[in-house]
Amino acid sequence: MPRLHLFEIEDQPWLPTYFRNVATGFLLVAHKVGKQNKLFTPKLESLIIKTGQRTIIDMGSGAGGPIRSIVEDLNNKGIDANAVLTDLYPNQKSVEIFANEASDRITYESSSVDATDMPVHLRGIRTMIASFHHLDEQTAQKVLLDAQSAHQPIAIFEGFGRNLAGFFILLPLIFLPCLFVPFIKPFKLLNLLFTYVLPLIPFLVFFDGWVSYLRIYSQKELAQLIEGLPSDDSYEWEIGSLGILKVPYLIGIPTLQNASMLH
């Protein structure tokens, strides 16, 4: 079945910030339960070793996803990594949470950051985790081209694949908010109201979850995006899948002769 770029509620600028924050908060809890950091950390460890870059510039961060756990994993492996979280619609509650932690390892940009035109001061390994499917083909290519043109590494990971395994993972999605919403931080009684009394949050999660599934780029479609970019011998691309669920990934890295441009 071909990829379908359908309407996703969370992408709409008219969606109240409250519901967008709850949706990204739900995904944060889901990432923790699924321990997806264990799937992505080895690839990022290899990328850090190859490039010497120890700063991760996460794009489309939402509430933070698995980045916190990934940074912890890397530091436990003896890699002094840090991360800067960014988003076109920053989750301001998460911005406040990270600011209050006063950590020099993870910070969250409070202003809007466009992944197709990254600010020059944000340099490091760019990542998009479980968010690349939000982009249509034209925007997705702009994100990749911006990294290639700036000679900055980029790693794209989806949350699951558009395959049979991904299909079965999504089947219980209508019930998961009932389990996860109480654990979204900060805790709000309003979250319980819109979950158990007026089930707007379960509807949002269920609807967007299935649309996300239909939007995910396959390995073949990722290759087509790369083929549409200008030829650049100073930049290399790697496409593959991770784990038994065949989660697609895309990694771009400057070649060694351009390593000096990383910093």
Protein backbone atom coordinates (compact mmCIF):
# COMPACT_ATOMS: atom_id res chain seq x y z
CA MET A 1 0.00 0.00 0.00
CA PRO A 2 1.44 3.43 -0.91
CA ARG A 3 2.04 6.11 1.68
CA LEU A 4 -0.99 8.35 2.30
CA HIS A 5 -0.38 11.87 3.61
CA LEU A 6 -3.76 12.34 5.26
CA PHE A 7 -5.08 14.95 7.69
CA GLU A 8 -3.56 14.69 11.17
CA ILE A 9 -5.23 16.74 13.91
CA GLU A 10 -2.03 17.49 15.85
CA ASP A 11 -0.53 19.20 12.78
CA GLN A 12 -3.28 21.78 12.58
CA PRO A 13 -2.45 25.29 13.86
CA TRP A 14 -6.02 25.69 15.14
CA LEU A 15 -5.63 22.83 17.63
CA PRO A 16 -5.61 24.27 21.17
CA THR A 17 -2.15 24.13 22.73
CA TYR A 18 -3.56 22.11 25.64
CA PHE A 19 -4.49 19.16 23.41
CA ARG A 20 -1.20 19.31 21.48
CA ASN A 21 0.73 19.20 24.77
CA VAL A 22 -1.35 16.27 26.02
CA ALA A 23 -0.77 14.38 22.77
CA THR A 24 3.01 14.86 22.93
CA GLY A 25 2.91 14.03 26.65
CA PHE A 26 1.15 10.75 25.85
CA LEU A 27 3.87 9.91 23.32
CA LEU A 28 6.55 10.61 25.92
CA VAL A 29 4.98 8.08 28.29
CA ALA A 30 4.59 5.58 25.43
CA HIS A 31 8.28 5.96 24.49
CA LYS A 32 9.28 5.28 28.11
CA VAL A 33 7.09 2.18 28.36
CA GLY A 34 8.30 0.89 24.99
CA LYS A 35 11.96 1.66 25.84
CA GLN A 36 12.58 2.80 22.26
CA ASN A 37 15.79 4.49 23.36
CA LYS A 38 17.39 1.03 23.36
CA LEU A 39 16.59 0.76 19.65
CA PHE A 40 18.02 4.12 18.61
CA THR A 41 21.00 4.61 20.95
CA PRO A 42 23.44 2.27 19.13
CA LYS A 43 23.00 4.13 15.82
CA LEU A 44 23.52 7.50 17.51
CA GLU A 45 26.54 6.15 19.39
CA SER A 46 28.08 5.10 16.08
CA LEU A 47 27.27 8.50 14.55
CA ILE A 48 28.90 10.34 17.46
CA ILE A 49 32.04 8.24 17.13
CA LYS A 50 32.23 8.85 13.36
CA THR A 51 31.64 12.59 13.47
CA GLY A 52 33.04 13.62 16.85
CA GLN A 53 29.82 15.57 17.41
CA ARG A 54 28.47 15.09 20.93
CA THR A 55 25.51 17.47 20.72
CA ILE A 56 22.17 16.14 19.50
CA ILE A 57 19.85 18.72 17.95
CA ASP A 58 16.45 17.07 18.17
CA MET A 59 13.79 18.40 15.81
CA GLY A 60 10.06 17.99 16.28
CA SER A 61 10.71 17.12 19.92
CA GLY A 62 7.19 17.57 21.27
CA ALA A 63 7.39 16.66 24.95
CA GLY A 64 10.90 15.23 24.59
CA GLY A 65 10.30 11.70 23.35
CA PRO A 66 13.09 9.23 24.15
CA ILE A 67 15.90 11.81 23.94
CA ARG A 68 16.36 12.03 27.71
CA SER A 69 16.80 8.25 27.91
CA ILE A 70 19.09 8.23 24.87
CA VAL A 71 21.38 10.85 26.43
CA GLU A 72 21.44 8.83 29.66
CA ASP A 73 22.29 5.67 27.72
CA LEU A 74 25.13 7.41 25.87
CA ASN A 75 26.61 8.84 29.06
CA ASN A 76 26.39 5.44 30.74
CA LYS A 77 28.49 4.17 27.82
CA GLY A 78 31.12 6.81 28.60
CA ILE A 79 30.06 9.25 25.84
CA ASP A 80 29.68 12.80 27.14
CA ALA A 81 26.60 13.61 25.04
CA ASN A 82 24.09 16.42 25.39
CA ALA A 83 20.91 17.44 23.55
CA VAL A 84 19.00 20.52 22.50
CA LEU A 85 15.28 19.96 21.92
CA THR A 86 13.43 22.00 19.30
CA ASP A 87 9.97 22.10 17.76
CA LEU A 88 7.89 24.20 15.40
CA TYR A 89 5.29 24.24 18.19
CA PRO A 90 7.39 23.93 21.39
CA ASN A 91 5.68 22.15 24.27
CA GLN A 92 5.95 25.03 26.74
CA LYS A 93 5.29 22.80 29.76
CA SER A 94 8.25 20.66 28.75
CA VAL A 95 10.32 23.80 28.16
CA GLU A 96 9.60 24.80 31.77
CA ILE A 97 10.31 21.30 33.10
CA PHE A 98 13.71 21.08 31.40
CA ALA A 99 14.57 24.65 32.46
CA ASN A 100 13.73 23.90 36.08
CA GLU A 101 15.96 20.83 36.05
CA ALA A 102 18.91 23.16 35.36
CA SER A 103 20.65 20.39 33.44
CA ASP A 104 23.52 21.19 31.10
CA ARG A 105 22.91 17.91 29.27
CA ILE A 106 19.40 18.63 27.94
CA THR A 107 17.88 22.00 27.10
CA TYR A 108 14.72 22.96 25.21
CA GLU A 109 14.57 25.92 22.83
CA SER A 110 11.53 27.97 23.89
CA SER A 111 11.10 29.65 20.49
CA SER A 112 9.74 28.01 17.35
CA VAL A 113 12.38 26.23 15.24
CA ASP A 114 11.74 25.26 11.62
CA ALA A 115 13.49 22.00 10.72
CA THR A 116 13.68 23.08 7.07
CA ASP A 117 15.78 26.13 7.98
CA MET A 118 17.75 25.40 11.12
CA PRO A 119 19.38 28.38 12.90
CA VAL A 120 23.14 28.45 12.38
CA HIS A 121 23.84 28.35 16.13
CA LEU A 122 22.20 24.93 16.42
CA ARG A 123 24.99 22.66 15.23
CA GLY A 124 25.30 18.97 15.96
CA ILE A 125 23.70 15.66 15.05
CA ARG A 126 20.18 16.48 13.94
CA THR A 127 17.53 13.94 14.86
CA MET A 128 13.85 13.42 14.21
CA ILE A 129 12.32 10.63 16.28
CA ALA A 130 8.81 9.43 15.47
CA SER A 131 8.00 12.76 13.84
CA PHE A 132 9.31 12.63 10.25
CA HIS A 133 6.00 11.23 9.00
CA HIS A 134 4.36 14.58 9.85
CA LEU A 135 6.14 16.06 6.83
CA ASP A 136 4.90 15.83 3.27
CA GLU A 137 7.41 14.84 0.59
CA GLN A 138 8.37 18.40 -0.31
CA THR A 139 8.92 19.47 3.31
CA ALA A 140 10.73 16.22 4.14
CA GLN A 141 13.19 16.84 1.31
CA LYS A 142 13.76 20.40 2.54
CA VAL A 143 14.70 19.04 5.99
CA LEU A 144 17.17 16.60 4.45
CA LEU A 145 18.56 19.21 2.05
CA ASP A 146 19.09 21.70 4.88
CA ALA A 147 21.22 19.15 6.75
CA GLN A 148 23.13 18.17 3.62
CA SER A 149 23.79 21.80 2.63
CA ALA A 150 24.99 22.66 6.14
CA HIS A 151 27.14 19.50 6.23
CA GLN A 152 25.53 18.46 9.49
CA PRO A 153 24.75 14.82 10.34
CA ILE A 154 21.09 13.82 10.53
CA ALA A 155 19.35 10.71 11.85
CA ILE A 156 15.67 10.01 11.16
CA PHE A 157 13.93 7.29 13.19
CA GLU A 158 10.26 6.40 13.07
CA GLY A 159 8.34 4.95 16.03
CA PHE A 160 7.22 1.89 14.09
CA GLY A 161 7.01 0.69 10.50
CA ARG A 162 4.18 0.80 7.99
CA ASN A 163 4.01 -2.95 8.03
CA LEU A 164 2.08 -5.82 9.62
CA ALA A 165 3.94 -5.48 12.94
CA GLY A 166 3.10 -1.78 13.10
CA PHE A 167 -0.54 -2.57 12.30
CA PHE A 168 -0.86 -4.93 15.27
CA ILE A 169 0.91 -2.51 17.61
CA LEU A 170 -1.73 0.13 16.85
CA LEU A 171 -4.75 -2.13 17.45
CA PRO A 172 -5.01 -1.36 21.22
CA LEU A 173 -4.36 2.36 20.69
CA ILE A 174 -7.92 3.36 21.63
CA PHE A 175 -7.38 1.93 25.14
CA LEU A 176 -3.81 3.07 25.86
CA PRO A 177 -4.70 6.68 26.78
CA CYS A 178 -6.84 5.28 29.62
CA LEU A 179 -3.66 3.67 30.99
CA PHE A 180 -1.08 6.34 30.19
CA VAL A 181 -2.84 9.71 30.63
CA PRO A 182 -2.63 9.71 34.48
CA PHE A 183 1.18 9.55 34.11
CA ILE A 184 1.50 12.59 31.84
CA LYS A 185 3.42 15.39 33.55
CA PRO A 186 2.37 17.78 34.88
CA PHE A 187 -0.67 15.96 36.24
CA LYS A 188 -3.96 17.75 35.52
CA LEU A 189 -7.52 16.88 36.50
CA LEU A 190 -8.54 18.23 33.10
CA ASN A 191 -6.65 15.32 31.51
CA LEU A 192 -8.87 12.88 33.39
CA LEU A 193 -12.00 14.74 32.33
CA PHE A 194 -11.08 14.58 28.64
CA THR A 195 -10.09 10.92 28.94
CA TYR A 196 -12.74 9.23 31.07
CA VAL A 197 -15.75 11.57 30.85
CA LEU A 198 -15.43 13.30 27.47
CA PRO A 199 -12.98 11.00 25.64
CA LEU A 200 -11.45 13.65 23.38
CA ILE A 201 -7.88 12.62 24.23
CA PRO A 202 -8.41 8.92 23.33
CA PHE A 203 -10.05 10.02 20.07
CA LEU A 204 -7.14 12.36 19.24
CA VAL A 205 -4.53 9.70 20.01
CA PHE A 206 -6.41 6.97 18.12
CA PHE A 207 -7.15 9.09 15.04
CA ASP A 208 -3.66 10.59 14.74
CA GLY A 209 -2.02 7.26 15.53
CA TRP A 210 -3.62 5.52 12.57
CA VAL A 211 -3.06 8.48 10.26
CA SER A 212 0.61 8.46 11.37
CA TYR A 213 0.80 4.78 10.42
CA LEU A 214 -0.43 5.56 6.90
CA ARG A 215 2.03 8.48 6.65
CA ILE A 216 5.22 6.62 7.62
CA TYR A 217 7.88 6.55 4.92
CA SER A 218 9.04 3.08 3.87
CA GLN A 219 12.69 2.41 3.08
CA LYS A 220 11.88 2.63 -0.64
CA GLU A 221 10.14 5.98 -0.16
CA LEU A 222 13.05 7.31 1.90
CA ALA A 223 15.35 6.32 -0.96
CA GLN A 224 13.13 8.26 -3.38
CA LEU A 225 13.43 11.35 -1.18
CA ILE A 226 17.23 11.06 -1.31
CA GLU A 227 17.19 10.58 -5.09
CA GLY A 228 15.35 13.89 -5.40
CA LEU A 229 18.12 15.83 -3.66
CA PRO A 230 20.96 17.58 -5.52
CA SER A 231 23.97 15.33 -6.04
CA ASP A 232 26.61 15.86 -3.35
CA ASP A 233 29.66 13.58 -3.19
CA SER A 234 30.62 15.13 0.16
CA TYR A 235 27.57 13.67 1.88
CA GLU A 236 26.53 10.03 2.35
CA TRP A 237 23.17 8.44 3.14
CA GLU A 238 22.27 5.18 4.88
CA ILE A 239 18.79 3.64 4.87
CA GLY A 240 17.69 0.60 6.84
CA SER A 241 15.41 -0.80 9.52
CA LEU A 242 15.82 -1.57 13.21
CA GLY A 243 14.67 -4.43 15.42
CA ILE A 244 12.12 -7.15 14.87
CA LEU A 245 9.49 -4.49 14.14
CA LYS A 246 11.52 -3.27 11.13
CA VAL A 247 11.42 0.39 12.21
CA PRO A 248 12.71 2.46 9.25
CA TYR A 249 15.62 4.85 9.67
CA LEU A 250 17.60 7.27 7.51
CA ILE A 251 21.05 8.62 8.37
CA GLY A 252 23.01 11.31 6.55
CA ILE A 253 26.65 12.05 7.29
CA PRO A 254 29.35 14.29 5.73
CA THR A 255 32.24 12.34 4.29
CA LEU A 256 35.62 12.45 6.03
CA GLN A 257 37.07 15.14 3.78
CA ASN A 258 34.35 17.48 5.07
CA ALA A 259 34.68 16.56 8.73
CA SER A 260 36.12 19.98 9.50
CA MET A 261 32.80 21.57 8.50
CA LEU A 262 30.98 19.74 11.30
CA HIS A 263 32.15 22.19 13.97
